[in-house]
Amino acid sequence: MIVEYIRYRVPAERSEEFEAAYRRAAVSLAKAPQCADYELTRCVDEPACYVLRITWTSAEDHLRGFREGPDFPPFLAEIRPYVGDIEEMRHYAPTGIRGQGSSVPTLYEWAGGAEAFERLTETFYAKVLKDDLIGPLFAHMDPGHPRYVAMWLGEVFGGPDRYTRERGGYPHMLSQHLGKGITEPQRRRWVNLLLDAADEVGLPGDPEFRAAFLGYIEWGTRLAFANSQPGAVPPGRAPVPHWGWGVAPPYVPKG
């Protein structure tokens, strides 16, 4: 990925038409397969200053794929009147220094922390052991297994890295699935019972949390299913995945 920044200085009397032009031009950006995302921002300290940020799949894809493709002419037609207002137009490579601040709670915090995940897994595995389809898979389950899975989920959703420090992280979790030959009906039952348990113990029911929670459960169980099949050779070492809010609407604290 490469990030292009275009800085404009647009007189106040032209700002409204400038933004309207970019709304039209954005249609071409959205259609371009070389464009990952884009955003136009306006300076609050100097309202004449605008910054357009476009993330391209590569500089080559931008300079040749987009500019020589069918989406560039209509894009340029809309913004051509403002080319003279450009103060900077450069590509920047990400440095890897990035992160998220604390204004948005982690899924772990939103769920209620370690105690919430321990309630979830205790209730869930009680259901599992009584289930005729997946119960046999856990017939010889370690009594501490529900707590260990709570640690895993807590770390995945932004809590302490206890599973990595105390249980061996991803390699240990992977070892629990190798050679098990999990079937798709068993995977689906696992998901359904966990969602039932989430309702029963009162995990947050807001759409944003449940969408993110289910997103991980689907992703994780499908990996476990694939890794459990005969002959599967998944990567032996990897970090514990970290799961966030995804593409849910941004969280806005209630004042």
Protein backbone atom coordinates (compact mmCIF):
# COMPACT_ATOMS: atom_id res chain seq x y z
CA MET A 1 0.00 0.00 0.00
CA ILE A 2 1.07 3.57 -0.63
CA VAL A 3 -0.63 6.72 0.66
CA GLU A 4 -0.98 9.81 -1.48
CA TYR A 5 -1.54 13.19 0.16
CA ILE A 6 -2.76 16.14 -1.88
CA ARG A 7 -2.86 19.48 -0.06
CA TYR A 8 -5.06 22.24 -1.41
CA ARG A 9 -5.54 25.89 -0.52
CA VAL A 10 -8.99 26.84 -1.76
CA PRO A 11 -10.43 30.34 -1.22
CA ALA A 12 -13.48 30.43 1.02
CA GLU A 13 -15.77 31.56 -1.79
CA ARG A 14 -14.90 28.39 -3.77
CA SER A 15 -14.99 25.85 -0.91
CA GLU A 16 -18.58 24.78 -1.45
CA GLU A 17 -18.10 24.06 -5.16
CA PHE A 18 -14.74 22.40 -4.40
CA GLU A 19 -16.34 19.92 -2.00
CA ALA A 20 -19.19 19.30 -4.44
CA ALA A 21 -16.66 18.57 -7.19
CA TYR A 22 -14.89 16.04 -4.99
CA ARG A 23 -18.16 14.33 -4.11
CA ARG A 24 -18.62 13.74 -7.82
CA ALA A 25 -14.97 12.80 -8.36
CA ALA A 26 -15.18 10.30 -5.49
CA VAL A 27 -17.48 8.15 -7.62
CA SER A 28 -14.50 7.40 -9.86
CA LEU A 29 -12.21 6.73 -6.89
CA ALA A 30 -14.73 4.30 -5.43
CA LYS A 31 -14.87 2.40 -8.73
CA ALA A 32 -11.10 2.22 -9.19
CA PRO A 33 -9.67 -1.21 -8.26
CA GLN A 34 -6.34 0.47 -7.47
CA CYS A 35 -7.90 2.61 -4.70
CA ALA A 36 -8.21 1.11 -1.21
CA ASP A 37 -9.81 4.13 0.48
CA TYR A 38 -9.89 7.92 0.40
CA GLU A 39 -10.81 10.86 2.63
CA LEU A 40 -11.02 14.62 2.13
CA THR A 41 -10.49 16.70 5.28
CA ARG A 42 -10.70 20.43 5.90
CA CYS A 43 -8.52 22.36 8.35
CA VAL A 44 -10.47 23.92 11.21
CA ASP A 45 -7.67 26.41 11.95
CA GLU A 46 -7.29 27.52 8.33
CA PRO A 47 -10.52 26.60 6.54
CA ALA A 48 -8.97 27.32 3.16
CA CYS A 49 -6.67 24.30 3.60
CA TYR A 50 -7.83 20.83 2.52
CA VAL A 51 -6.00 17.49 2.55
CA LEU A 52 -7.06 14.61 0.32
CA ARG A 53 -5.72 11.22 1.47
CA ILE A 54 -5.89 8.30 -0.97
CA THR A 55 -4.56 4.84 -0.18
CA TRP A 56 -3.46 3.10 -3.36
CA THR A 57 -2.56 -0.57 -3.72
CA SER A 58 0.87 0.63 -4.94
CA ALA A 59 2.47 3.73 -6.48
CA GLU A 60 2.69 1.85 -9.78
CA ASP A 61 -1.02 1.03 -9.63
CA HIS A 62 -1.79 4.70 -9.07
CA LEU A 63 0.55 6.23 -11.64
CA ARG A 64 -0.09 3.69 -14.37
CA GLY A 65 -3.08 1.52 -13.48
CA PHE A 66 -5.37 4.38 -12.41
CA ARG A 67 -4.02 7.23 -14.49
CA GLU A 68 -3.99 5.14 -17.65
CA GLY A 69 -7.31 3.46 -16.89
CA PRO A 70 -10.95 4.36 -17.53
CA ASP A 71 -11.64 5.91 -14.11
CA PHE A 72 -9.08 8.70 -14.33
CA PRO A 73 -10.61 10.89 -17.08
CA PRO A 74 -13.93 11.45 -15.26
CA PHE A 75 -12.06 11.97 -11.98
CA LEU A 76 -9.77 14.59 -13.54
CA ALA A 77 -12.65 16.31 -15.29
CA GLU A 78 -14.26 17.07 -11.93
CA ILE A 79 -11.16 18.30 -10.08
CA ARG A 80 -9.32 20.00 -12.99
CA PRO A 81 -10.47 23.50 -11.97
CA TYR A 82 -8.63 23.05 -8.66
CA VAL A 83 -5.29 21.71 -9.90
CA GLY A 84 -3.82 25.20 -9.54
CA ASP A 85 -4.80 25.19 -5.86
CA ILE A 86 -2.55 22.20 -5.06
CA GLU A 87 0.32 22.95 -2.67
CA GLU A 88 1.63 19.40 -2.30
CA MET A 89 1.04 16.07 -4.05
CA ARG A 90 3.26 13.21 -2.84
CA HIS A 91 3.27 9.50 -2.06
CA TYR A 92 4.07 8.32 1.47
CA ALA A 93 4.94 4.80 2.61
CA PRO A 94 3.52 3.60 5.95
CA THR A 95 6.19 3.19 8.65
CA GLY A 96 4.36 0.59 10.74
CA ILE A 97 4.01 3.05 13.63
CA ARG A 98 0.32 3.14 14.24
CA GLY A 99 -2.20 2.26 16.93
CA GLN A 100 -5.50 3.08 18.52
CA GLY A 101 -6.10 5.44 21.39
CA SER A 102 -8.20 4.80 24.47
CA SER A 103 -11.26 6.83 23.52
CA VAL A 104 -12.81 3.70 22.02
CA PRO A 105 -13.21 0.76 24.44
CA THR A 106 -11.86 -2.62 23.41
CA LEU A 107 -14.32 -5.42 22.80
CA TYR A 108 -12.90 -6.98 25.98
CA GLU A 109 -13.80 -3.89 28.02
CA TRP A 110 -17.20 -3.51 26.36
CA ALA A 111 -18.05 -7.15 27.11
CA GLY A 112 -17.24 -6.75 30.80
CA GLY A 113 -13.66 -8.01 31.07
CA ALA A 114 -12.33 -11.34 32.29
CA GLU A 115 -15.32 -12.09 34.52
CA ALA A 116 -17.73 -11.80 31.56
CA PHE A 117 -15.72 -14.19 29.40
CA GLU A 118 -15.37 -16.67 32.27
CA ARG A 119 -19.17 -16.64 32.74
CA LEU A 120 -19.56 -17.14 29.01
CA THR A 121 -17.24 -20.14 28.74
CA GLU A 122 -18.52 -21.85 31.91
CA THR A 123 -22.08 -21.64 30.62
CA PHE A 124 -21.04 -22.60 27.10
CA TYR A 125 -19.09 -25.73 28.04
CA ALA A 126 -21.90 -26.87 30.30
CA LYS A 127 -24.07 -26.87 27.18
CA VAL A 128 -21.34 -28.54 25.12
CA LEU A 129 -20.99 -31.50 27.47
CA LYS A 130 -24.72 -32.19 27.22
CA ASP A 131 -24.79 -31.93 23.44
CA ASP A 132 -24.97 -35.16 21.47
CA LEU A 133 -23.16 -33.76 18.41
CA ILE A 134 -20.12 -32.03 19.88
CA GLY A 135 -20.16 -33.38 23.42
CA PRO A 136 -18.06 -36.43 22.44
CA LEU A 137 -15.27 -34.13 21.24
CA PHE A 138 -14.93 -32.84 24.81
CA ALA A 139 -15.55 -36.08 26.71
CA HIS A 140 -12.10 -35.91 28.35
CA MET A 141 -11.96 -32.12 28.71
CA ASP A 142 -9.53 -30.66 31.25
CA PRO A 143 -11.60 -29.09 34.07
CA GLY A 144 -9.69 -25.87 33.49
CA HIS A 145 -10.57 -25.74 29.77
CA PRO A 146 -13.41 -23.20 30.08
CA ARG A 147 -11.10 -20.82 31.94
CA TYR A 148 -8.34 -21.27 29.37
CA VAL A 149 -10.73 -20.48 26.51
CA ALA A 150 -11.89 -17.39 28.44
CA MET A 151 -8.25 -16.30 28.59
CA TRP A 152 -7.91 -16.85 24.84
CA LEU A 153 -11.05 -14.87 24.03
CA GLY A 154 -10.02 -12.12 26.42
CA GLU A 155 -6.66 -11.73 24.68
CA VAL A 156 -8.23 -11.87 21.22
CA PHE A 157 -10.68 -9.11 22.09
CA GLY A 158 -8.10 -6.71 23.51
CA GLY A 159 -7.55 -7.91 27.08
CA PRO A 160 -4.36 -9.03 28.85
CA ASP A 161 -2.06 -11.44 26.98
CA ARG A 162 -2.53 -14.17 29.57
CA TYR A 163 -3.06 -16.96 27.06
CA THR A 164 0.24 -16.14 25.40
CA ARG A 165 2.13 -15.88 28.69
CA GLU A 166 0.51 -18.76 30.58
CA ARG A 167 -0.75 -21.20 27.94
CA GLY A 168 1.68 -20.99 25.04
CA GLY A 169 -0.26 -18.69 22.72
CA TYR A 170 -1.23 -19.62 19.18
CA PRO A 171 0.93 -22.79 18.90
CA HIS A 172 -0.82 -24.32 21.89
CA MET A 173 -4.29 -23.41 20.64
CA LEU A 174 -3.41 -24.87 17.23
CA SER A 175 -2.32 -28.13 18.85
CA GLN A 176 -5.80 -28.55 20.33
CA HIS A 177 -7.34 -28.84 16.85
CA LEU A 178 -4.81 -30.79 14.78
CA GLY A 179 -6.11 -34.16 13.65
CA LYS A 180 -9.53 -33.75 15.27
CA GLY A 181 -11.42 -34.00 11.97
CA ILE A 182 -14.12 -31.51 12.97
CA THR A 183 -17.19 -31.65 10.72
CA GLU A 184 -19.12 -28.65 9.44
CA PRO A 185 -22.24 -29.60 11.46
CA GLN A 186 -20.06 -29.74 14.58
CA ARG A 187 -18.53 -26.35 13.81
CA ARG A 188 -21.97 -24.85 13.28
CA ARG A 189 -23.30 -26.37 16.52
CA TRP A 190 -20.29 -24.93 18.39
CA VAL A 191 -21.11 -21.46 17.08
CA ASN A 192 -24.81 -21.76 17.88
CA LEU A 193 -24.22 -22.95 21.43
CA LEU A 194 -21.75 -20.14 22.07
CA LEU A 195 -24.24 -17.55 20.83
CA ASP A 196 -26.91 -19.09 23.06
CA ALA A 197 -24.52 -18.85 25.99
CA ALA A 198 -23.73 -15.21 25.15
CA ASP A 199 -27.44 -14.40 25.39
CA GLU A 200 -27.83 -16.39 28.58
CA VAL A 201 -24.98 -14.69 30.46
CA GLY A 202 -25.91 -11.22 29.22
CA LEU A 203 -23.05 -10.25 26.94
CA PRO A 204 -23.80 -6.87 25.35
CA GLY A 205 -26.52 -7.18 22.74
CA ASP A 206 -25.84 -4.03 20.72
CA PRO A 207 -25.42 -4.71 17.00
CA GLU A 208 -21.88 -3.35 16.83
CA PHE A 209 -20.56 -5.68 19.55
CA ARG A 210 -22.43 -8.73 18.37
CA ALA A 211 -21.34 -8.20 14.76
CA ALA A 212 -17.68 -8.02 15.82
CA PHE A 213 -18.04 -10.92 18.25
CA LEU A 214 -19.71 -13.17 15.69
CA GLY A 215 -17.21 -12.09 13.04
CA TYR A 216 -14.37 -13.51 15.11
CA ILE A 217 -16.29 -16.65 16.09
CA GLU A 218 -17.04 -17.43 12.44
CA TRP A 219 -13.47 -16.68 11.36
CA GLY A 220 -11.91 -18.64 14.23
CA THR A 221 -14.10 -21.71 13.95
CA ARG A 222 -13.62 -21.91 10.19
CA LEU A 223 -9.85 -21.86 10.71
CA ALA A 224 -10.14 -24.50 13.43
CA PHE A 225 -12.27 -26.62 11.09
CA ALA A 226 -9.67 -26.35 8.29
CA ASN A 227 -6.74 -26.97 10.61
CA SER A 228 -8.38 -30.09 12.06
CA GLN A 229 -8.73 -31.91 8.75
CA PRO A 230 -6.53 -34.91 7.87
CA GLY A 231 -3.37 -33.79 6.14
CA ALA A 232 -3.76 -30.12 7.10
CA VAL A 233 -0.42 -28.35 7.56
CA PRO A 234 -1.22 -24.90 8.99
CA PRO A 235 1.51 -22.42 10.02
CA GLY A 236 3.00 -23.63 13.28
CA ARG A 237 3.78 -20.22 14.73
CA ALA A 238 1.74 -17.03 14.67
CA PRO A 239 0.59 -14.41 17.16
CA VAL A 240 -2.76 -14.64 18.92
CA PRO A 241 -5.15 -12.71 16.63
CA HIS A 242 -6.39 -9.35 17.88
CA TRP A 243 -9.96 -8.54 16.96
CA GLY A 244 -11.50 -5.06 16.98
CA TRP A 245 -14.72 -3.34 16.07
CA GLY A 246 -14.16 -3.83 12.34
CA VAL A 247 -16.40 -1.88 10.03
CA ALA A 248 -19.13 -1.25 12.58
CA PRO A 249 -20.20 2.41 12.90
CA PRO A 250 -17.73 4.37 15.06
CA TYR A 251 -18.41 4.26 18.78
CA VAL A 252 -19.60 7.60 20.14
CA PRO A 253 -19.65 7.92 23.96
CA LYS A 254 -22.96 9.09 25.38
CA GLY A 255 -22.38 12.34 27.20
